[in-house]
Amino acid sequence: MRLIDPDTEALNISKRLVEENGIANLFSFHGDKFSAVPSEHADIALLIGILCPLHLRVSKMILQKVIPYVRGGDCDLQHGLA
């Protein structure tokens, strides 16, 4: 699993937690913007705390940029979201 977040403090907390739980080998950490990290055909993208406070138009724009990173990323948001 890849964790991508420009907030290095959040990444450091995540690193500490996975190390404490003995699962650090299952994660990679990227302290950068999502768009700066190469696609690796993810099965799922979690945008926790990202979309909720935004206007629908902005959320759609962000989701459109995330779609190519997800396996089978050929969704049409014009027809997929109300």
N, C-alpha and C. Protein backbone atom coordinates (compact mmCIF):
# COMPACT_ATOMS: atom_id res chain seq x y z
N MET A 1 0.84 -1.16 0.00
CA MET A 1 0.00 0.00 0.00
C MET A 1 0.89 1.24 0.00
N ARG A 2 0.51 2.21 -0.82
CA ARG A 2 1.25 3.46 -0.87
C ARG A 2 0.48 4.55 -0.14
N LEU A 3 1.18 5.27 0.69
CA LEU A 3 0.60 6.43 1.37
C LEU A 3 1.24 7.66 0.75
N ILE A 4 0.39 8.52 0.19
CA ILE A 4 0.87 9.72 -0.49
C ILE A 4 0.26 10.93 0.21
N ASP A 5 1.12 11.79 0.72
CA ASP A 5 0.63 12.96 1.44
C ASP A 5 1.77 13.97 1.54
N PRO A 6 1.53 15.21 1.12
CA PRO A 6 2.58 16.22 1.27
C PRO A 6 2.79 16.63 2.73
N ASP A 7 1.89 16.21 3.61
CA ASP A 7 2.01 16.51 5.04
C ASP A 7 2.96 15.49 5.67
N THR A 8 4.23 15.87 5.80
CA THR A 8 5.23 14.93 6.30
C THR A 8 4.98 14.54 7.76
N GLU A 9 4.34 15.40 8.52
CA GLU A 9 4.01 15.05 9.90
C GLU A 9 3.01 13.89 9.93
N ALA A 10 2.01 13.93 9.07
CA ALA A 10 1.05 12.84 8.99
C ALA A 10 1.73 11.55 8.54
N LEU A 11 2.63 11.65 7.57
CA LEU A 11 3.35 10.47 7.10
C LEU A 11 4.21 9.87 8.20
N ASN A 12 4.86 10.72 8.98
CA ASN A 12 5.69 10.22 10.08
C ASN A 12 4.86 9.47 11.12
N ILE A 13 3.68 9.96 11.40
CA ILE A 13 2.78 9.26 12.33
C ILE A 13 2.41 7.90 11.75
N SER A 14 2.08 7.87 10.47
CA SER A 14 1.73 6.60 9.81
C SER A 14 2.89 5.62 9.83
N LYS A 15 4.09 6.11 9.52
CA LYS A 15 5.27 5.25 9.55
C LYS A 15 5.47 4.64 10.93
N ARG A 16 5.35 5.48 11.95
CA ARG A 16 5.52 4.99 13.32
C ARG A 16 4.49 3.90 13.64
N LEU A 17 3.25 4.12 13.26
CA LEU A 17 2.18 3.16 13.55
C LEU A 17 2.40 1.81 12.85
N VAL A 18 2.79 1.85 11.57
CA VAL A 18 2.99 0.58 10.87
C VAL A 18 4.23 -0.14 11.40
N GLU A 19 5.25 0.60 11.80
CA GLU A 19 6.44 -0.03 12.39
C GLU A 19 6.09 -0.67 13.73
N GLU A 20 5.32 0.04 14.56
CA GLU A 20 4.92 -0.49 15.86
C GLU A 20 4.08 -1.75 15.72
N ASN A 21 3.35 -1.86 14.63
CA ASN A 21 2.48 -3.02 14.42
C ASN A 21 3.12 -4.09 13.55
N GLY A 22 4.39 -3.90 13.21
CA GLY A 22 5.13 -4.93 12.48
C GLY A 22 4.69 -5.14 11.05
N ILE A 23 4.13 -4.11 10.42
CA ILE A 23 3.66 -4.27 9.04
C ILE A 23 4.30 -3.23 8.10
N ALA A 24 5.42 -2.69 8.49
CA ALA A 24 6.08 -1.65 7.70
C ALA A 24 6.45 -2.15 6.30
N ASN A 25 6.70 -3.42 6.15
CA ASN A 25 7.07 -3.97 4.84
C ASN A 25 5.91 -3.93 3.84
N LEU A 26 4.70 -3.66 4.30
CA LEU A 26 3.53 -3.63 3.42
C LEU A 26 3.23 -2.23 2.88
N PHE A 27 4.00 -1.23 3.32
CA PHE A 27 3.71 0.15 2.97
C PHE A 27 4.90 0.85 2.35
N SER A 28 4.60 1.82 1.49
CA SER A 28 5.61 2.77 1.03
C SER A 28 5.03 4.16 1.26
N PHE A 29 5.90 5.11 1.51
CA PHE A 29 5.49 6.45 1.88
C PHE A 29 6.06 7.46 0.89
N HIS A 30 5.21 8.38 0.46
CA HIS A 30 5.61 9.38 -0.52
C HIS A 30 5.18 10.75 -0.01
N GLY A 31 6.11 11.57 0.37
CA GLY A 31 5.83 12.91 0.87
C GLY A 31 5.75 13.92 -0.26
N ASP A 32 4.73 13.76 -1.07
CA ASP A 32 4.61 14.61 -2.25
C ASP A 32 3.14 14.74 -2.62
N LYS A 33 2.85 15.56 -3.62
CA LYS A 33 1.50 15.66 -4.14
C LYS A 33 1.15 14.37 -4.87
N PHE A 34 -0.12 14.03 -4.85
CA PHE A 34 -0.58 12.81 -5.52
C PHE A 34 -0.15 12.79 -6.98
N SER A 35 -0.30 13.91 -7.65
CA SER A 35 0.02 13.97 -9.08
C SER A 35 1.51 13.80 -9.38
N ALA A 36 2.36 13.95 -8.37
CA ALA A 36 3.81 13.82 -8.57
C ALA A 36 4.31 12.39 -8.43
N VAL A 37 3.43 11.49 -7.96
CA VAL A 37 3.80 10.10 -7.73
C VAL A 37 3.33 9.27 -8.93
N PRO A 38 4.20 8.45 -9.52
CA PRO A 38 3.81 7.65 -10.68
C PRO A 38 2.67 6.69 -10.37
N SER A 39 1.83 6.49 -11.36
CA SER A 39 0.71 5.55 -11.25
C SER A 39 1.25 4.13 -11.12
N GLU A 40 0.62 3.35 -10.30
CA GLU A 40 0.98 1.93 -10.17
C GLU A 40 -0.27 1.06 -10.20
N HIS A 41 -1.29 1.51 -10.87
CA HIS A 41 -2.53 0.75 -11.04
C HIS A 41 -3.11 0.29 -9.71
N ALA A 42 -3.47 1.24 -8.89
CA ALA A 42 -4.04 0.94 -7.57
C ALA A 42 -5.41 0.29 -7.72
N ASP A 43 -5.78 -0.52 -6.75
CA ASP A 43 -7.11 -1.11 -6.72
C ASP A 43 -8.11 -0.15 -6.09
N ILE A 44 -7.63 0.75 -5.26
CA ILE A 44 -8.50 1.70 -4.58
C ILE A 44 -7.69 2.95 -4.23
N ALA A 45 -8.36 4.08 -4.23
CA ALA A 45 -7.74 5.33 -3.81
C ALA A 45 -8.62 5.92 -2.70
N LEU A 46 -8.05 6.16 -1.56
CA LEU A 46 -8.78 6.76 -0.45
C LEU A 46 -8.39 8.23 -0.36
N LEU A 47 -9.38 9.09 -0.41
CA LEU A 47 -9.15 10.53 -0.35
C LEU A 47 -9.75 11.05 0.94
N ILE A 48 -9.26 10.52 2.03
CA ILE A 48 -9.81 10.82 3.35
C ILE A 48 -9.59 12.29 3.70
N GLY A 49 -10.68 12.97 3.99
CA GLY A 49 -10.62 14.36 4.38
C GLY A 49 -10.35 15.33 3.25
N ILE A 50 -10.38 14.85 2.01
CA ILE A 50 -10.07 15.70 0.87
C ILE A 50 -11.34 16.25 0.22
N LEU A 51 -12.27 15.39 -0.13
CA LEU A 51 -13.41 15.80 -0.94
C LEU A 51 -14.55 16.44 -0.16
N CYS A 52 -14.79 16.01 1.05
CA CYS A 52 -15.98 16.45 1.80
C CYS A 52 -16.13 17.97 1.91
N PRO A 53 -15.10 18.72 2.23
CA PRO A 53 -15.31 20.16 2.40
C PRO A 53 -15.37 20.95 1.09
N LEU A 54 -15.16 20.28 -0.03
CA LEU A 54 -15.07 20.98 -1.32
C LEU A 54 -16.41 21.06 -2.04
N HIS A 55 -16.51 22.02 -2.94
CA HIS A 55 -17.68 22.12 -3.81
C HIS A 55 -17.66 20.93 -4.78
N LEU A 56 -18.82 20.51 -5.22
CA LEU A 56 -18.93 19.35 -6.10
C LEU A 56 -18.07 19.50 -7.35
N ARG A 57 -18.03 20.69 -7.93
CA ARG A 57 -17.24 20.93 -9.14
C ARG A 57 -15.77 20.63 -8.89
N VAL A 58 -15.24 21.06 -7.76
CA VAL A 58 -13.83 20.83 -7.42
C VAL A 58 -13.60 19.36 -7.11
N SER A 59 -14.54 18.72 -6.41
CA SER A 59 -14.42 17.29 -6.12
C SER A 59 -14.36 16.48 -7.40
N LYS A 60 -15.20 16.83 -8.36
CA LYS A 60 -15.18 16.13 -9.66
C LYS A 60 -13.84 16.29 -10.34
N MET A 61 -13.27 17.50 -10.29
CA MET A 61 -11.98 17.76 -10.92
C MET A 61 -10.89 16.88 -10.28
N ILE A 62 -10.90 16.79 -8.95
CA ILE A 62 -9.91 15.97 -8.25
C ILE A 62 -10.09 14.50 -8.60
N LEU A 63 -11.33 14.02 -8.58
CA LEU A 63 -11.59 12.62 -8.92
C LEU A 63 -11.16 12.31 -10.35
N GLN A 64 -11.37 13.24 -11.26
CA GLN A 64 -10.96 13.03 -12.65
C GLN A 64 -9.45 12.82 -12.73
N LYS A 65 -8.69 13.52 -11.89
CA LYS A 65 -7.23 13.38 -11.89
C LYS A 65 -6.78 12.08 -11.22
N VAL A 66 -7.59 11.54 -10.32
CA VAL A 66 -7.25 10.31 -9.60
C VAL A 66 -7.57 9.06 -10.43
N ILE A 67 -8.59 9.13 -11.25
CA ILE A 67 -9.06 7.96 -12.01
C ILE A 67 -7.94 7.23 -12.75
N PRO A 68 -7.02 7.90 -13.44
CA PRO A 68 -5.97 7.17 -14.16
C PRO A 68 -5.05 6.35 -13.24
N TYR A 69 -5.03 6.66 -11.95
CA TYR A 69 -4.18 5.94 -11.02
C TYR A 69 -4.80 4.62 -10.56
N VAL A 70 -6.08 4.43 -10.84
CA VAL A 70 -6.80 3.25 -10.37
C VAL A 70 -6.99 2.28 -11.53
N ARG A 71 -6.76 1.02 -11.25
CA ARG A 71 -6.90 -0.03 -12.26
C ARG A 71 -8.28 0.06 -12.91
N GLY A 72 -8.31 0.01 -14.24
CA GLY A 72 -9.58 0.14 -14.96
C GLY A 72 -10.08 1.57 -14.95
N GLY A 73 -9.19 2.54 -14.81
CA GLY A 73 -9.56 3.94 -14.67
C GLY A 73 -10.11 4.57 -15.93
N ASP A 74 -11.32 4.19 -16.28
CA ASP A 74 -11.94 4.74 -17.48
C ASP A 74 -13.34 5.29 -17.19
N CYS A 75 -13.55 5.77 -15.98
CA CYS A 75 -14.84 6.29 -15.54
C CYS A 75 -15.10 7.67 -16.15
N ASP A 76 -16.36 7.92 -16.49
CA ASP A 76 -16.79 9.22 -16.99
C ASP A 76 -17.55 9.92 -15.89
N LEU A 77 -16.93 10.90 -15.23
CA LEU A 77 -17.57 11.58 -14.11
C LEU A 77 -18.75 12.44 -14.55
N GLN A 78 -18.82 12.80 -15.80
CA GLN A 78 -19.96 13.59 -16.26
C GLN A 78 -21.24 12.80 -16.10
N HIS A 79 -21.17 11.49 -16.22
CA HIS A 79 -22.35 10.65 -16.10
C HIS A 79 -22.38 9.86 -14.82
N GLY A 80 -21.23 9.82 -14.10
CA GLY A 80 -21.13 8.99 -12.90
C GLY A 80 -21.51 9.68 -11.60
N LEU A 81 -21.53 11.01 -11.57
CA LEU A 81 -21.89 11.76 -10.37
C LEU A 81 -23.02 12.72 -10.69
N ALA A 82 -23.91 12.88 -9.73
CA ALA A 82 -25.02 13.83 -9.92
C ALA A 82 -24.55 15.24 -9.62
